[in-house]
Amino acid sequence: MISPARSSFKPQTRLGRSKRMDQHRGMPTPEERARIRELQDLLIVRFVERREAVADGLGERVKTVEAEINSLLREKEEIEKWAAVGSA
């Protein structure tokens, strides 16, 4: 027969470990969060630049800024994807 002290110890250990893992699942690291914020700030600037280029009829500048926007969005998505996978 298993002693009460021994059986009560195992569930507590599992619960504690599971709780810690759940708290971090899908959560980016502080560095990842900082980079995501930086990318969001850069995206805001680029979207404003794009709007101004469109308003001024600068087709080539619009294409350049759109390429920069797409690159920033891809980087942001990659960080978010790897943060979710790496933390799981």
C-alpha atoms as a PDB file:
ATOM      1  CA  MET A   1       0.000   0.000   0.000  1.00  0.00           C
ATOM      2  CA  ILE A   2       1.235   3.505  -0.834  1.00  0.00           C
ATOM      3  CA  SER A   3       1.656   5.806   2.128  1.00  0.00           C
ATOM      4  CA  PRO A   4      -0.533   8.977   2.195  1.00  0.00           C
ATOM      5  CA  ALA A   5       2.537  11.243   2.297  1.00  0.00           C
ATOM      6  CA  ARG A   6       3.944   9.686  -0.839  1.00  0.00           C
ATOM      7  CA  SER A   7       0.694   9.739  -2.841  1.00  0.00           C
ATOM      8  CA  SER A   8      -0.090  13.348  -1.910  1.00  0.00           C
ATOM      9  CA  PHE A   9       3.399  14.444  -2.965  1.00  0.00           C
ATOM     10  CA  LYS A  10       3.104  13.208  -6.572  1.00  0.00           C
ATOM     11  CA  PRO A  11      -0.089  15.108  -7.550  1.00  0.00           C
ATOM     12  CA  GLN A  12       1.253  18.323  -6.037  1.00  0.00           C
ATOM     13  CA  THR A  13       4.435  18.014  -8.048  1.00  0.00           C
ATOM     14  CA  ARG A  14       2.531  17.345 -11.269  1.00  0.00           C
ATOM     15  CA  LEU A  15       0.107  20.191 -10.668  1.00  0.00           C
ATOM     16  CA  GLY A  16       2.895  22.646  -9.939  1.00  0.00           C
ATOM     17  CA  ARG A  17       4.849  21.632 -13.026  1.00  0.00           C
ATOM     18  CA  SER A  18       1.758  21.731 -15.249  1.00  0.00           C
ATOM     19  CA  LYS A  19       0.727  25.133 -13.934  1.00  0.00           C
ATOM     20  CA  ARG A  20       4.157  26.623 -14.676  1.00  0.00           C
ATOM     21  CA  MET A  21       4.150  25.203 -18.188  1.00  0.00           C
ATOM     22  CA  ASP A  22       0.640  26.521 -18.913  1.00  0.00           C
ATOM     23  CA  GLN A  23       1.596  29.995 -17.740  1.00  0.00           C
ATOM     24  CA  HIS A  24       4.350  30.198 -20.364  1.00  0.00           C
ATOM     25  CA  ARG A  25       2.641  28.433 -23.265  1.00  0.00           C
ATOM     26  CA  GLY A  26       2.413  30.821 -26.197  1.00  0.00           C
ATOM     27  CA  MET A  27       4.053  33.681 -24.319  1.00  0.00           C
ATOM     28  CA  PRO A  28       6.921  35.476 -26.061  1.00  0.00           C
ATOM     29  CA  THR A  29      10.078  36.203 -24.104  1.00  0.00           C
ATOM     30  CA  PRO A  30      10.761  39.786 -22.969  1.00  0.00           C
ATOM     31  CA  GLU A  31      13.202  40.138 -25.886  1.00  0.00           C
ATOM     32  CA  GLU A  32      10.598  38.883 -28.349  1.00  0.00           C
ATOM     33  CA  ARG A  33       7.975  41.224 -26.927  1.00  0.00           C
ATOM     34  CA  ALA A  34      10.393  44.161 -27.221  1.00  0.00           C
ATOM     35  CA  ARG A  35      11.152  43.305 -30.850  1.00  0.00           C
ATOM     36  CA  ILE A  36       7.433  42.941 -31.638  1.00  0.00           C
ATOM     37  CA  ARG A  37       6.792  46.403 -30.137  1.00  0.00           C
ATOM     38  CA  GLU A  38       9.667  47.814 -32.170  1.00  0.00           C
ATOM     39  CA  LEU A  39       8.294  46.235 -35.341  1.00  0.00           C
ATOM     40  CA  GLN A  40       4.824  47.614 -34.601  1.00  0.00           C
ATOM     41  CA  ASP A  41       6.286  51.105 -34.209  1.00  0.00           C
ATOM     42  CA  LEU A  42       8.160  50.730 -37.494  1.00  0.00           C
ATOM     43  CA  LEU A  43       4.994  49.507 -39.189  1.00  0.00           C
ATOM     44  CA  ILE A  44       3.070  52.577 -38.046  1.00  0.00           C
ATOM     45  CA  VAL A  45       5.746  54.828 -39.535  1.00  0.00           C
ATOM     46  CA  ARG A  46       5.765  52.869 -42.809  1.00  0.00           C
ATOM     47  CA  PHE A  47       1.973  52.923 -43.114  1.00  0.00           C
ATOM     48  CA  VAL A  48       2.018  56.715 -42.673  1.00  0.00           C
ATOM     49  CA  GLU A  49       4.805  56.970 -45.278  1.00  0.00           C
ATOM     50  CA  ARG A  50       2.768  54.811 -47.649  1.00  0.00           C
ATOM     51  CA  ARG A  51      -0.344  56.939 -47.191  1.00  0.00           C
ATOM     52  CA  GLU A  52       1.663  60.103 -47.883  1.00  0.00           C
ATOM     53  CA  ALA A  53       3.339  58.567 -50.941  1.00  0.00           C
ATOM     54  CA  VAL A  54      -0.056  57.534 -52.324  1.00  0.00           C
ATOM     55  CA  ALA A  55      -1.433  61.033 -51.707  1.00  0.00           C
ATOM     56  CA  ASP A  56       1.582  62.595 -53.458  1.00  0.00           C
ATOM     57  CA  GLY A  57       1.337  60.195 -56.419  1.00  0.00           C
ATOM     58  CA  LEU A  58       4.774  58.671 -55.804  1.00  0.00           C
ATOM     59  CA  GLY A  59       4.172  55.209 -57.245  1.00  0.00           C
ATOM     60  CA  GLU A  60       7.750  54.001 -56.923  1.00  0.00           C
ATOM     61  CA  ARG A  61       7.937  55.115 -53.285  1.00  0.00           C
ATOM     62  CA  VAL A  62       4.639  53.328 -52.591  1.00  0.00           C
ATOM     63  CA  LYS A  63       6.109  50.069 -53.923  1.00  0.00           C
ATOM     64  CA  THR A  64       9.277  50.489 -51.855  1.00  0.00           C
ATOM     65  CA  VAL A  65       7.364  51.210 -48.646  1.00  0.00           C
ATOM     66  CA  GLU A  66       4.958  48.328 -49.284  1.00  0.00           C
ATOM     67  CA  ALA A  67       7.929  45.969 -49.638  1.00  0.00           C
ATOM     68  CA  GLU A  68       9.290  47.255 -46.314  1.00  0.00           C
ATOM     69  CA  ILE A  69       5.868  46.795 -44.698  1.00  0.00           C
ATOM     70  CA  ASN A  70       5.648  43.206 -45.975  1.00  0.00           C
ATOM     71  CA  SER A  71       9.129  42.447 -44.670  1.00  0.00           C
ATOM     72  CA  LEU A  72       8.322  43.860 -41.231  1.00  0.00           C
ATOM     73  CA  LEU A  73       5.039  41.925 -41.098  1.00  0.00           C
ATOM     74  CA  ARG A  74       6.820  38.675 -42.027  1.00  0.00           C
ATOM     75  CA  GLU A  75       9.412  39.210 -39.298  1.00  0.00           C
ATOM     76  CA  LYS A  76       6.693  39.950 -36.734  1.00  0.00           C
ATOM     77  CA  GLU A  77       4.752  36.824 -37.747  1.00  0.00           C
ATOM     78  CA  GLU A  78       7.890  34.678 -37.526  1.00  0.00           C
ATOM     79  CA  ILE A  79       8.669  35.921 -34.023  1.00  0.00           C
ATOM     80  CA  GLU A  80       5.088  35.298 -32.897  1.00  0.00           C
ATOM     81  CA  LYS A  81       5.091  31.828 -34.481  1.00  0.00           C
ATOM     82  CA  TRP A  82       8.396  30.769 -32.934  1.00  0.00           C
ATOM     83  CA  ALA A  83       7.440  32.263 -29.585  1.00  0.00           C
ATOM     84  CA  ALA A  84       4.315  30.109 -29.536  1.00  0.00           C
ATOM     85  CA  VAL A  85       6.147  26.973 -30.681  1.00  0.00           C
ATOM     86  CA  GLY A  86       9.189  27.524 -28.474  1.00  0.00           C
ATOM     87  CA  SER A  87       7.168  28.113 -25.337  1.00  0.00           C
ATOM     88  CA  ALA A  88       4.828  25.155 -25.758  1.00  0.00           C
END
